[in-house]
Amino acid sequence: MDASVWIWIVVAVVVVLAIVVIALVVTRGRRRERQAEANREHAARLRAEAAETERQAREREAAAAEAQAQRLQAEAQATRAEVEAQRLADASASQADDAAELRARAERQAAKADHVDPDVTTDRRAAPVTDRTSAPVSDPAVGRDPAVSRDADAGRHADVSQDPTVDREADVRRETAANRDARDDEIPRR
């Protein structure tokens, strides 16, 4: 084999190696390009997912802010309702106090009227018995003419009013009631 054959064999090997190297370089470039394209697509998908997640986060933040606003509004309404309930309770208590005070004043005035009225008699316990409005429902005098009731009461209590000790006891009771009424009238009202 001569030297020219060896030269051609070396040239052929070099050419084959050059072709292999070029082929590898070209395929590597295409592979890189495909890899870059795949990476771009993957990045686009990740960005889309991130945008969707961001949108969901904004929606949830808006829902949370709305729920917070509703909670604050409900608390404000509850506070207003509590204040209104307290105001109504205070007004109710004040009206109940006023009613009790007026009732007590009316009872004192009625007792004073009973003390002054000659038609009202008292029994031995000094409980006022009238022939008009304060008679119990079972009392037969209810619904009768006041003059007839007075006459009936006078007859019923005739024996009591003739006893001088009973009259003195009644006078003492009347004086005590009058003193108490006078004391009550001196107490300042609010």
N, C-alpha and C. Protein backbone atom coordinates (compact mmCIF):
# COMPACT_ATOMS: atom_id res chain seq x y z
N MET A 1 0.82 -1.11 0.00
CA MET A 1 0.00 0.00 0.00
C MET A 1 0.90 1.22 0.00
N ASP A 2 0.47 1.81 -0.82
CA ASP A 2 1.39 2.90 -0.98
C ASP A 2 0.91 4.12 -0.24
N ALA A 3 1.66 5.11 -0.30
CA ALA A 3 1.42 6.27 0.55
C ALA A 3 0.19 7.01 0.10
N SER A 4 -0.14 6.99 -1.17
CA SER A 4 -1.30 7.73 -1.64
C SER A 4 -2.59 7.08 -1.12
N VAL A 5 -2.62 5.79 -0.99
CA VAL A 5 -3.79 5.08 -0.48
C VAL A 5 -3.96 5.48 1.01
N TRP A 6 -2.83 5.49 1.68
CA TRP A 6 -2.93 5.85 3.10
C TRP A 6 -3.42 7.30 3.25
N ILE A 7 -3.05 8.12 2.38
CA ILE A 7 -3.49 9.52 2.44
C ILE A 7 -5.00 9.56 2.21
N TRP A 8 -5.46 8.77 1.21
CA TRP A 8 -6.89 8.77 0.90
C TRP A 8 -7.67 8.15 2.07
N ILE A 9 -7.19 7.21 2.71
CA ILE A 9 -7.88 6.60 3.86
C ILE A 9 -7.95 7.63 4.99
N VAL A 10 -6.89 8.35 5.24
CA VAL A 10 -6.87 9.35 6.30
C VAL A 10 -7.83 10.47 5.95
N VAL A 11 -7.81 10.89 4.67
CA VAL A 11 -8.73 11.96 4.23
C VAL A 11 -10.16 11.48 4.40
N ALA A 12 -10.45 10.26 4.03
CA ALA A 12 -11.80 9.71 4.14
C ALA A 12 -12.23 9.67 5.61
N VAL A 13 -11.33 9.24 6.47
CA VAL A 13 -11.66 9.18 7.90
C VAL A 13 -11.91 10.59 8.42
N VAL A 14 -11.07 11.54 7.99
CA VAL A 14 -11.23 12.93 8.44
C VAL A 14 -12.55 13.46 7.93
N VAL A 15 -12.91 13.18 6.69
CA VAL A 15 -14.18 13.65 6.11
C VAL A 15 -15.34 13.02 6.87
N VAL A 16 -15.27 11.74 7.15
CA VAL A 16 -16.34 11.07 7.90
C VAL A 16 -16.45 11.69 9.28
N LEU A 17 -15.32 11.91 9.91
CA LEU A 17 -15.35 12.53 11.24
C LEU A 17 -15.93 13.94 11.16
N ALA A 18 -15.59 14.66 10.14
CA ALA A 18 -16.11 16.01 9.96
C ALA A 18 -17.63 15.97 9.77
N ILE A 19 -18.10 15.03 9.00
CA ILE A 19 -19.55 14.89 8.76
C ILE A 19 -20.26 14.53 10.07
N VAL A 20 -19.66 13.63 10.82
CA VAL A 20 -20.25 13.23 12.11
C VAL A 20 -20.28 14.43 13.05
N VAL A 21 -19.22 15.19 13.08
CA VAL A 21 -19.16 16.36 13.96
C VAL A 21 -20.21 17.37 13.52
N ILE A 22 -20.30 17.63 12.22
CA ILE A 22 -21.30 18.58 11.70
C ILE A 22 -22.70 18.08 12.03
N ALA A 23 -22.94 16.81 11.85
CA ALA A 23 -24.26 16.24 12.15
C ALA A 23 -24.58 16.41 13.64
N LEU A 24 -23.59 16.16 14.47
CA LEU A 24 -23.80 16.32 15.91
C LEU A 24 -24.07 17.79 16.26
N VAL A 25 -23.33 18.68 15.66
CA VAL A 25 -23.53 20.11 15.94
C VAL A 25 -24.92 20.53 15.48
N VAL A 26 -25.33 20.11 14.30
CA VAL A 26 -26.65 20.48 13.77
C VAL A 26 -27.75 19.88 14.63
N THR A 27 -27.67 18.65 15.01
CA THR A 27 -28.72 18.02 15.83
C THR A 27 -28.74 18.62 17.23
N ARG A 28 -27.55 18.94 17.74
CA ARG A 28 -27.51 19.56 19.06
C ARG A 28 -28.20 20.92 19.01
N GLY A 29 -28.00 21.70 17.96
CA GLY A 29 -28.65 23.01 17.79
C GLY A 29 -30.17 22.85 17.72
N ARG A 30 -30.61 21.84 16.93
CA ARG A 30 -32.06 21.60 16.84
C ARG A 30 -32.62 21.15 18.19
N ARG A 31 -31.85 20.30 18.87
CA ARG A 31 -32.29 19.84 20.18
C ARG A 31 -32.38 21.02 21.15
N ARG A 32 -31.41 21.90 21.12
CA ARG A 32 -31.45 23.08 21.96
C ARG A 32 -32.65 23.96 21.60
N GLU A 33 -32.87 24.07 20.29
CA GLU A 33 -34.01 24.88 19.85
C GLU A 33 -35.33 24.26 20.33
N ARG A 34 -35.45 22.94 20.19
CA ARG A 34 -36.66 22.26 20.69
C ARG A 34 -36.77 22.39 22.20
N GLN A 35 -35.65 22.26 22.90
CA GLN A 35 -35.66 22.41 24.35
C GLN A 35 -36.07 23.83 24.74
N ALA A 36 -35.54 24.81 24.03
CA ALA A 36 -35.88 26.21 24.30
C ALA A 36 -37.38 26.44 24.04
N GLU A 37 -37.87 25.86 22.95
CA GLU A 37 -39.30 25.99 22.64
C GLU A 37 -40.15 25.32 23.73
N ALA A 38 -39.74 24.16 24.17
CA ALA A 38 -40.46 23.46 25.24
C ALA A 38 -40.40 24.28 26.53
N ASN A 39 -39.24 24.88 26.80
CA ASN A 39 -39.12 25.72 27.99
C ASN A 39 -40.02 26.96 27.88
N ARG A 40 -40.09 27.55 26.68
CA ARG A 40 -40.98 28.70 26.47
C ARG A 40 -42.44 28.32 26.72
N GLU A 41 -42.84 27.17 26.18
CA GLU A 41 -44.22 26.71 26.37
C GLU A 41 -44.50 26.44 27.86
N HIS A 42 -43.54 25.82 28.51
CA HIS A 42 -43.69 25.55 29.95
C HIS A 42 -43.78 26.86 30.74
N ALA A 43 -42.94 27.83 30.40
CA ALA A 43 -42.97 29.14 31.06
C ALA A 43 -44.31 29.84 30.81
N ALA A 44 -44.83 29.72 29.58
CA ALA A 44 -46.13 30.32 29.27
C ALA A 44 -47.23 29.68 30.12
N ARG A 45 -47.18 28.35 30.25
CA ARG A 45 -48.17 27.66 31.09
C ARG A 45 -48.05 28.10 32.53
N LEU A 46 -46.82 28.21 33.05
CA LEU A 46 -46.62 28.66 34.43
C LEU A 46 -47.14 30.09 34.62
N ARG A 47 -46.88 30.97 33.61
CA ARG A 47 -47.39 32.35 33.72
C ARG A 47 -48.91 32.37 33.72
N ALA A 48 -49.52 31.54 32.88
CA ALA A 48 -50.99 31.47 32.84
C ALA A 48 -51.54 30.97 34.17
N GLU A 49 -50.89 29.95 34.73
CA GLU A 49 -51.32 29.44 36.04
C GLU A 49 -51.14 30.51 37.11
N ALA A 50 -50.02 31.23 37.06
CA ALA A 50 -49.78 32.29 38.03
C ALA A 50 -50.84 33.39 37.91
N ALA A 51 -51.19 33.74 36.66
CA ALA A 51 -52.21 34.77 36.44
C ALA A 51 -53.56 34.28 36.98
N GLU A 52 -53.89 33.02 36.76
CA GLU A 52 -55.15 32.46 37.27
C GLU A 52 -55.15 32.45 38.80
N THR A 53 -54.03 32.07 39.38
CA THR A 53 -53.91 32.06 40.84
C THR A 53 -54.04 33.47 41.39
N GLU A 54 -53.42 34.44 40.70
CA GLU A 54 -53.52 35.84 41.12
C GLU A 54 -54.97 36.32 41.05
N ARG A 55 -55.67 35.94 39.97
CA ARG A 55 -57.08 36.32 39.82
C ARG A 55 -57.92 35.72 40.95
N GLN A 56 -57.68 34.45 41.26
CA GLN A 56 -58.41 33.80 42.35
C GLN A 56 -58.09 34.46 43.69
N ALA A 57 -56.81 34.83 43.87
CA ALA A 57 -56.43 35.50 45.12
C ALA A 57 -57.15 36.84 45.24
N ARG A 58 -57.22 37.60 44.13
CA ARG A 58 -57.94 38.89 44.16
C ARG A 58 -59.42 38.68 44.47
N GLU A 59 -60.02 37.65 43.85
CA GLU A 59 -61.44 37.35 44.12
C GLU A 59 -61.65 37.01 45.58
N ARG A 60 -60.77 36.18 46.12
CA ARG A 60 -60.90 35.79 47.53
C ARG A 60 -60.66 36.97 48.46
N GLU A 61 -59.70 37.84 48.10
CA GLU A 61 -59.48 39.04 48.90
C GLU A 61 -60.70 39.95 48.86
N ALA A 62 -61.32 40.07 47.67
CA ALA A 62 -62.53 40.88 47.56
C ALA A 62 -63.66 40.27 48.39
N ALA A 63 -63.78 38.94 48.33
CA ALA A 63 -64.82 38.28 49.12
C ALA A 63 -64.54 38.45 50.61
N ALA A 64 -63.27 38.36 51.00
CA ALA A 64 -62.91 38.54 52.41
C ALA A 64 -63.19 39.97 52.84
N ALA A 65 -62.87 40.94 51.99
CA ALA A 65 -63.15 42.35 52.32
C ALA A 65 -64.65 42.58 52.43
N GLU A 66 -65.42 41.97 51.54
CA GLU A 66 -66.88 42.10 51.60
C GLU A 66 -67.43 41.45 52.87
N ALA A 67 -66.91 40.28 53.22
CA ALA A 67 -67.35 39.61 54.46
C ALA A 67 -66.97 40.45 55.67
N GLN A 68 -65.79 41.06 55.64
CA GLN A 68 -65.36 41.93 56.74
C GLN A 68 -66.30 43.13 56.85
N ALA A 69 -66.65 43.72 55.69
CA ALA A 69 -67.57 44.87 55.70
C ALA A 69 -68.93 44.46 56.24
N GLN A 70 -69.41 43.29 55.83
CA GLN A 70 -70.70 42.80 56.33
C GLN A 70 -70.64 42.54 57.83
N ARG A 71 -69.52 42.00 58.29
CA ARG A 71 -69.36 41.75 59.72
C ARG A 71 -69.38 43.06 60.50
N LEU A 72 -68.65 44.06 59.99
CA LEU A 72 -68.63 45.36 60.65
C LEU A 72 -70.01 46.00 60.65
N GLN A 73 -70.71 45.85 59.52
CA GLN A 73 -72.07 46.40 59.44
C GLN A 73 -72.99 45.68 60.43
N ALA A 74 -72.86 44.36 60.51
CA ALA A 74 -73.70 43.60 61.45
C ALA A 74 -73.37 43.99 62.89
N GLU A 75 -72.07 44.19 63.18
CA GLU A 75 -71.69 44.61 64.53
C GLU A 75 -72.26 46.00 64.83
N ALA A 76 -72.21 46.88 63.83
CA ALA A 76 -72.76 48.23 64.03
C ALA A 76 -74.27 48.16 64.27
N GLN A 77 -74.95 47.31 63.49
CA GLN A 77 -76.39 47.15 63.69
C GLN A 77 -76.67 46.55 65.06
N ALA A 78 -75.85 45.58 65.47
CA ALA A 78 -76.05 44.98 66.79
C ALA A 78 -75.82 46.02 67.89
N THR A 79 -74.82 46.85 67.70
CA THR A 79 -74.54 47.90 68.68
C THR A 79 -75.70 48.89 68.74
N ARG A 80 -76.20 49.27 67.54
CA ARG A 80 -77.35 50.18 67.50
C ARG A 80 -78.56 49.54 68.17
N ALA A 81 -78.77 48.25 67.90
CA ALA A 81 -79.90 47.55 68.51
C ALA A 81 -79.74 47.46 70.02
N GLU A 82 -78.50 47.23 70.46
CA GLU A 82 -78.24 47.16 71.90
C GLU A 82 -78.49 48.51 72.56
N VAL A 83 -78.03 49.58 71.90
CA VAL A 83 -78.26 50.93 72.43
C VAL A 83 -79.75 51.23 72.46
N GLU A 84 -80.46 50.86 71.38
CA GLU A 84 -81.90 51.09 71.34
C GLU A 84 -82.61 50.27 72.41
N ALA A 85 -82.18 49.02 72.61
CA ALA A 85 -82.78 48.18 73.65
C ALA A 85 -82.54 48.79 75.03
N GLN A 86 -81.33 49.30 75.25
CA GLN A 86 -81.04 49.93 76.54
C GLN A 86 -81.89 51.19 76.72
N ARG A 87 -82.03 51.97 75.63
CA ARG A 87 -82.85 53.18 75.71
C ARG A 87 -84.30 52.81 76.02
N LEU A 88 -84.80 51.78 75.35
CA LEU A 88 -86.18 51.35 75.60
C LEU A 88 -86.33 50.80 77.02
N ALA A 89 -85.31 50.08 77.49
CA ALA A 89 -85.37 49.56 78.86
C ALA A 89 -85.37 50.72 79.86
N ASP A 90 -84.53 51.72 79.60
CA ASP A 90 -84.49 52.89 80.49
C ASP A 90 -85.83 53.62 80.46
N ALA A 91 -86.39 53.79 79.23
CA ALA A 91 -87.67 54.47 79.12
C ALA A 91 -88.77 53.67 79.82
N SER A 92 -88.72 52.35 79.65
CA SER A 92 -89.72 51.50 80.31
C SER A 92 -89.61 51.60 81.82
N ALA A 93 -88.37 51.55 82.32
CA ALA A 93 -88.18 51.65 83.77
C ALA A 93 -88.63 53.01 84.28
N SER A 94 -88.32 54.05 83.51
CA SER A 94 -88.73 55.40 83.91
C SER A 94 -90.25 55.51 83.93
N GLN A 95 -90.88 54.96 82.89
CA GLN A 95 -92.35 55.01 82.84
C GLN A 95 -92.95 54.17 83.96
N ALA A 96 -92.33 53.03 84.26
CA ALA A 96 -92.83 52.19 85.36
C ALA A 96 -92.68 52.93 86.69
N ASP A 97 -91.54 53.62 86.86
CA ASP A 97 -91.34 54.42 88.08
C ASP A 97 -92.38 55.53 88.17
N ASP A 98 -92.59 56.21 87.04
CA ASP A 98 -93.59 57.28 87.02
C ASP A 98 -94.98 56.73 87.33
N ALA A 99 -95.29 55.57 86.74
CA ALA A 99 -96.60 54.96 86.99
C ALA A 99 -96.75 54.58 88.46
N ALA A 100 -95.68 54.00 89.03
CA ALA A 100 -95.73 53.62 90.45
C ALA A 100 -95.89 54.86 91.32
N GLU A 101 -95.18 55.93 90.96
CA GLU A 101 -95.28 57.16 91.72
C GLU A 101 -96.69 57.75 91.61
N LEU A 102 -97.24 57.73 90.39
CA LEU A 102 -98.60 58.24 90.21
C LEU A 102 -99.62 57.36 90.95
N ARG A 103 -99.39 56.05 90.92
CA ARG A 103 -100.31 55.14 91.62
C ARG A 103 -100.25 55.40 93.12
N ALA A 104 -99.02 55.57 93.65
CA ALA A 104 -98.89 55.85 95.07
C ALA A 104 -99.54 57.18 95.42
N ARG A 105 -99.34 58.18 94.55
CA ARG A 105 -99.98 59.48 94.79
C ARG A 105 -101.50 59.34 94.77
N ALA A 106 -102.01 58.56 93.79
CA ALA A 106 -103.46 58.35 93.71
C ALA A 106 -103.98 57.63 94.95
N GLU A 107 -103.21 56.64 95.43
CA GLU A 107 -103.63 55.93 96.64
C GLU A 107 -103.62 56.86 97.85
N ARG A 108 -102.59 57.72 97.93
CA ARG A 108 -102.56 58.68 99.03
C ARG A 108 -103.73 59.65 98.94
N GLN A 109 -104.01 60.11 97.73
CA GLN A 109 -105.12 61.04 97.55
C GLN A 109 -106.46 60.35 97.87
N ALA A 110 -106.58 59.08 97.44
CA ALA A 110 -107.81 58.34 97.75
C ALA A 110 -107.94 58.13 99.25
N ALA A 111 -106.81 57.81 99.91
CA ALA A 111 -106.86 57.62 101.36
C ALA A 111 -107.22 58.94 102.05
N LYS A 112 -106.67 60.04 101.54
CA LYS A 112 -106.96 61.35 102.11
C LYS A 112 -108.45 61.67 101.89
N ALA A 113 -108.94 61.34 100.68
CA ALA A 113 -110.36 61.57 100.38
C ALA A 113 -111.23 60.70 101.29
N ASP A 114 -110.81 59.45 101.48
CA ASP A 114 -111.57 58.57 102.38
C ASP A 114 -111.56 59.12 103.80
N HIS A 115 -110.44 59.69 104.20
CA HIS A 115 -110.32 60.26 105.54
C HIS A 115 -111.27 61.46 105.70
N VAL A 116 -111.38 62.25 104.65
CA VAL A 116 -112.22 63.45 104.71
C VAL A 116 -113.69 63.12 104.46
N ASP A 117 -113.98 62.14 103.66
CA ASP A 117 -115.36 61.82 103.24
C ASP A 117 -116.15 61.26 104.43
N PRO A 118 -117.27 61.88 104.75
CA PRO A 118 -118.08 61.37 105.86
C PRO A 118 -118.82 60.08 105.51
N ASP A 119 -118.92 59.75 104.21
CA ASP A 119 -119.64 58.55 103.81
C ASP A 119 -118.78 57.30 103.87
N VAL A 120 -117.51 57.44 104.13
CA VAL A 120 -116.62 56.28 104.19
C VAL A 120 -116.46 55.88 105.65
N THR A 121 -116.64 54.59 105.90
CA THR A 121 -116.51 54.07 107.26
C THR A 121 -115.32 53.13 107.30
N THR A 122 -114.85 52.84 108.50
CA THR A 122 -113.73 51.91 108.64
C THR A 122 -114.16 50.78 109.55
N ASP A 123 -113.56 49.60 109.35
CA ASP A 123 -113.86 48.49 110.25
C ASP A 123 -112.84 48.52 111.39
N ARG A 124 -112.80 47.53 112.22
CA ARG A 124 -111.93 47.54 113.41
C ARG A 124 -110.45 47.49 113.06
N ARG A 125 -110.09 47.01 111.85
CA ARG A 125 -108.68 46.95 111.45
C ARG A 125 -108.25 48.23 110.76
N ALA A 126 -109.09 49.20 110.66
CA ALA A 126 -108.83 50.50 110.05
C ALA A 126 -108.60 50.40 108.56
N ALA A 127 -109.14 49.36 107.94
CA ALA A 127 -109.06 49.27 106.49
C ALA A 127 -110.25 50.02 105.92
N PRO A 128 -110.02 50.98 105.03
CA PRO A 128 -111.14 51.76 104.50
C PRO A 128 -112.08 50.88 103.70
N VAL A 129 -113.36 51.05 103.98
CA VAL A 129 -114.40 50.33 103.26
C VAL A 129 -115.30 51.39 102.64
N THR A 130 -115.41 51.40 101.35
CA THR A 130 -116.24 52.41 100.69
C THR A 130 -117.45 51.74 100.10
N ASP A 131 -118.42 52.55 99.79
CA ASP A 131 -119.64 52.02 99.21
C ASP A 131 -119.64 52.22 97.70
N ARG A 132 -118.52 52.65 97.13
CA ARG A 132 -118.50 52.92 95.70
C ARG A 132 -117.49 52.05 94.97
N THR A 133 -116.37 52.61 94.61
CA THR A 133 -115.45 51.96 93.67
C THR A 133 -114.59 50.88 94.27
N SER A 134 -114.24 50.93 95.53
CA SER A 134 -113.31 49.95 96.07
C SER A 134 -114.00 48.73 96.66
N ALA A 135 -115.30 48.59 96.50
CA ALA A 135 -116.00 47.42 97.03
C ALA A 135 -115.60 46.20 96.25
N PRO A 136 -115.39 45.06 96.91
CA PRO A 136 -115.04 43.85 96.18
C PRO A 136 -116.21 43.40 95.32
N VAL A 137 -115.92 42.61 94.29
CA VAL A 137 -116.94 42.17 93.35
C VAL A 137 -118.02 41.35 94.06
N SER A 138 -117.64 40.59 95.07
CA SER A 138 -118.61 39.76 95.76
C SER A 138 -119.47 40.57 96.73
N ASP A 139 -119.17 41.85 96.91
CA ASP A 139 -119.93 42.69 97.83
C ASP A 139 -121.31 42.95 97.25
N PRO A 140 -122.37 42.72 98.01
CA PRO A 140 -123.72 42.94 97.49
C PRO A 140 -124.00 44.42 97.26
N ALA A 141 -123.18 45.31 97.79
CA ALA A 141 -123.44 46.73 97.62
C ALA A 141 -123.02 47.22 96.25
N VAL A 142 -122.26 46.43 95.50
CA VAL A 142 -121.81 46.87 94.19
C VAL A 142 -123.00 46.97 93.27
N GLY A 143 -123.09 48.09 92.60
CA GLY A 143 -124.18 48.29 91.64
C GLY A 143 -125.42 48.88 92.27
N ARG A 144 -125.44 49.05 93.59
CA ARG A 144 -126.61 49.63 94.23
C ARG A 144 -126.47 51.13 94.27
N ASP A 145 -127.53 51.79 94.58
CA ASP A 145 -127.56 53.24 94.72
C ASP A 145 -126.67 53.61 95.90
N PRO A 146 -125.78 54.64 95.76
CA PRO A 146 -124.89 55.01 96.86
C PRO A 146 -125.63 55.39 98.13
N ALA A 147 -126.79 56.01 98.00
CA ALA A 147 -127.53 56.40 99.20
C ALA A 147 -128.00 55.16 99.95
N VAL A 148 -128.43 54.13 99.19
CA VAL A 148 -128.87 52.89 99.83
C VAL A 148 -127.67 52.22 100.49
N SER A 149 -126.51 52.21 99.80
CA SER A 149 -125.31 51.59 100.36
C SER A 149 -124.89 52.31 101.63
N ARG A 150 -124.95 53.64 101.64
CA ARG A 150 -124.59 54.42 102.82
C ARG A 150 -125.49 54.06 103.98
N ASP A 151 -126.78 53.97 103.68
CA ASP A 151 -127.71 53.62 104.74
C ASP A 151 -127.42 52.22 105.27
N ALA A 152 -127.11 51.28 104.36
CA ALA A 152 -126.82 49.91 104.77
C ALA A 152 -125.55 49.88 105.60
N ASP A 153 -124.53 50.62 105.16
CA ASP A 153 -123.27 50.66 105.91
C ASP A 153 -123.49 51.30 107.27
N ALA A 154 -124.29 52.34 107.31
CA ALA A 154 -124.55 53.02 108.59
C ALA A 154 -125.24 52.06 109.54
N GLY A 155 -126.17 51.26 109.02
CA GLY A 155 -126.87 50.29 109.87
C GLY A 155 -125.94 49.19 110.32
N ARG A 156 -125.09 48.73 109.44
CA ARG A 156 -124.18 47.64 109.77
C ARG A 156 -123.17 48.06 110.82
N HIS A 157 -122.71 49.31 110.72
CA HIS A 157 -121.66 49.78 111.63
C HIS A 157 -122.21 50.65 112.75
N ALA A 158 -123.50 50.65 112.92
CA ALA A 158 -124.09 51.51 113.94
C ALA A 158 -123.61 51.11 115.33
N ASP A 159 -123.52 49.79 115.55
CA ASP A 159 -123.11 49.35 116.88
C ASP A 159 -121.64 49.67 117.13
N VAL A 160 -120.81 49.69 116.08
CA VAL A 160 -119.41 50.00 116.23
C VAL A 160 -119.23 51.49 116.50
N SER A 161 -119.97 52.35 115.79
CA SER A 161 -119.78 53.79 115.96
C SER A 161 -120.34 54.27 117.29
N GLN A 162 -121.21 53.48 117.94
CA GLN A 162 -121.73 53.88 119.25
C GLN A 162 -120.72 53.59 120.36
N ASP A 163 -119.76 52.71 120.11
CA ASP A 163 -118.76 52.37 121.12
C ASP A 163 -117.70 53.48 121.15
N PRO A 164 -117.53 54.18 122.30
CA PRO A 164 -116.60 55.31 122.34
C PRO A 164 -115.14 54.90 122.16
N THR A 165 -114.75 53.68 122.54
CA THR A 165 -113.35 53.27 122.38
C THR A 165 -113.02 53.06 120.90
N VAL A 166 -114.01 52.57 120.15
CA VAL A 166 -113.80 52.37 118.72
C VAL A 166 -113.64 53.71 118.05
N ASP A 167 -114.43 54.72 118.45
CA ASP A 167 -114.32 56.05 117.86
C ASP A 167 -112.94 56.63 118.13
N ARG A 168 -112.45 56.47 119.36
CA ARG A 168 -111.13 56.99 119.68
C ARG A 168 -110.05 56.29 118.85
N GLU A 169 -110.16 54.97 118.69
CA GLU A 169 -109.19 54.24 117.88
C GLU A 169 -109.23 54.71 116.43
N ALA A 170 -110.42 54.94 115.92
CA ALA A 170 -110.56 55.41 114.54
C ALA A 170 -109.96 56.80 114.40
N ASP A 171 -110.18 57.67 115.42
CA ASP A 171 -109.61 59.02 115.37
C ASP A 171 -108.08 58.95 115.37
N VAL A 172 -107.52 58.08 116.20
CA VAL A 172 -106.06 57.94 116.25
C VAL A 172 -105.54 57.45 114.91
N ARG A 173 -106.23 56.49 114.32
CA ARG A 173 -105.81 55.98 113.01
C ARG A 173 -105.88 57.08 111.95
N ARG A 174 -106.94 57.87 111.97
CA ARG A 174 -107.08 58.96 111.00
C ARG A 174 -105.96 59.97 111.16
N GLU A 175 -105.64 60.31 112.42
CA GLU A 175 -104.57 61.28 112.66
C GLU A 175 -103.23 60.72 112.18
N THR A 176 -102.98 59.45 112.44
CA THR A 176 -101.73 58.82 111.99
C THR A 176 -101.65 58.83 110.47
N ALA A 177 -102.76 58.49 109.81
CA ALA A 177 -102.79 58.50 108.34
C ALA A 177 -102.60 59.91 107.82
N ALA A 178 -103.20 60.90 108.47
CA ALA A 178 -103.06 62.29 108.03
C ALA A 178 -101.61 62.74 108.19
N ASN A 179 -100.97 62.38 109.31
CA ASN A 179 -99.56 62.73 109.52
C ASN A 179 -98.67 62.09 108.45
N ARG A 180 -98.95 60.83 108.15
CA ARG A 180 -98.17 60.13 107.13
C ARG A 180 -98.36 60.79 105.77
N ASP A 181 -99.61 61.16 105.43
CA ASP A 181 -99.87 61.83 104.16
C ASP A 181 -99.16 63.17 104.09
N ALA A 182 -99.17 63.89 105.17
CA ALA A 182 -98.50 65.19 105.20
C ALA A 182 -97.00 64.99 105.01
N ARG A 183 -96.44 63.97 105.64
CA ARG A 183 -95.02 63.67 105.48
C ARG A 183 -94.71 63.29 104.03
N ASP A 184 -95.59 62.46 103.42
CA ASP A 184 -95.39 62.06 102.03
C ASP A 184 -95.47 63.25 101.09
N ASP A 185 -96.37 64.20 101.40
CA ASP A 185 -96.49 65.38 100.54
C ASP A 185 -95.26 66.25 100.64
N GLU A 186 -94.53 66.21 101.75
CA GLU A 186 -93.34 67.04 101.92
C GLU A 186 -92.12 66.45 101.22
N ILE A 187 -92.15 65.16 100.88
CA ILE A 187 -91.01 64.52 100.21
C ILE A 187 -90.94 65.08 98.79
N PRO A 188 -89.76 65.63 98.39
CA PRO A 188 -89.65 66.21 97.04
C PRO A 188 -89.75 65.13 95.98
N ARG A 189 -90.41 65.47 94.92
CA ARG A 189 -90.54 64.55 93.77
C ARG A 189 -89.41 64.86 92.78
N ARG A 190 -89.08 63.85 92.01
CA ARG A 190 -88.04 64.11 91.02
C ARG A 190 -88.64 64.64 89.75
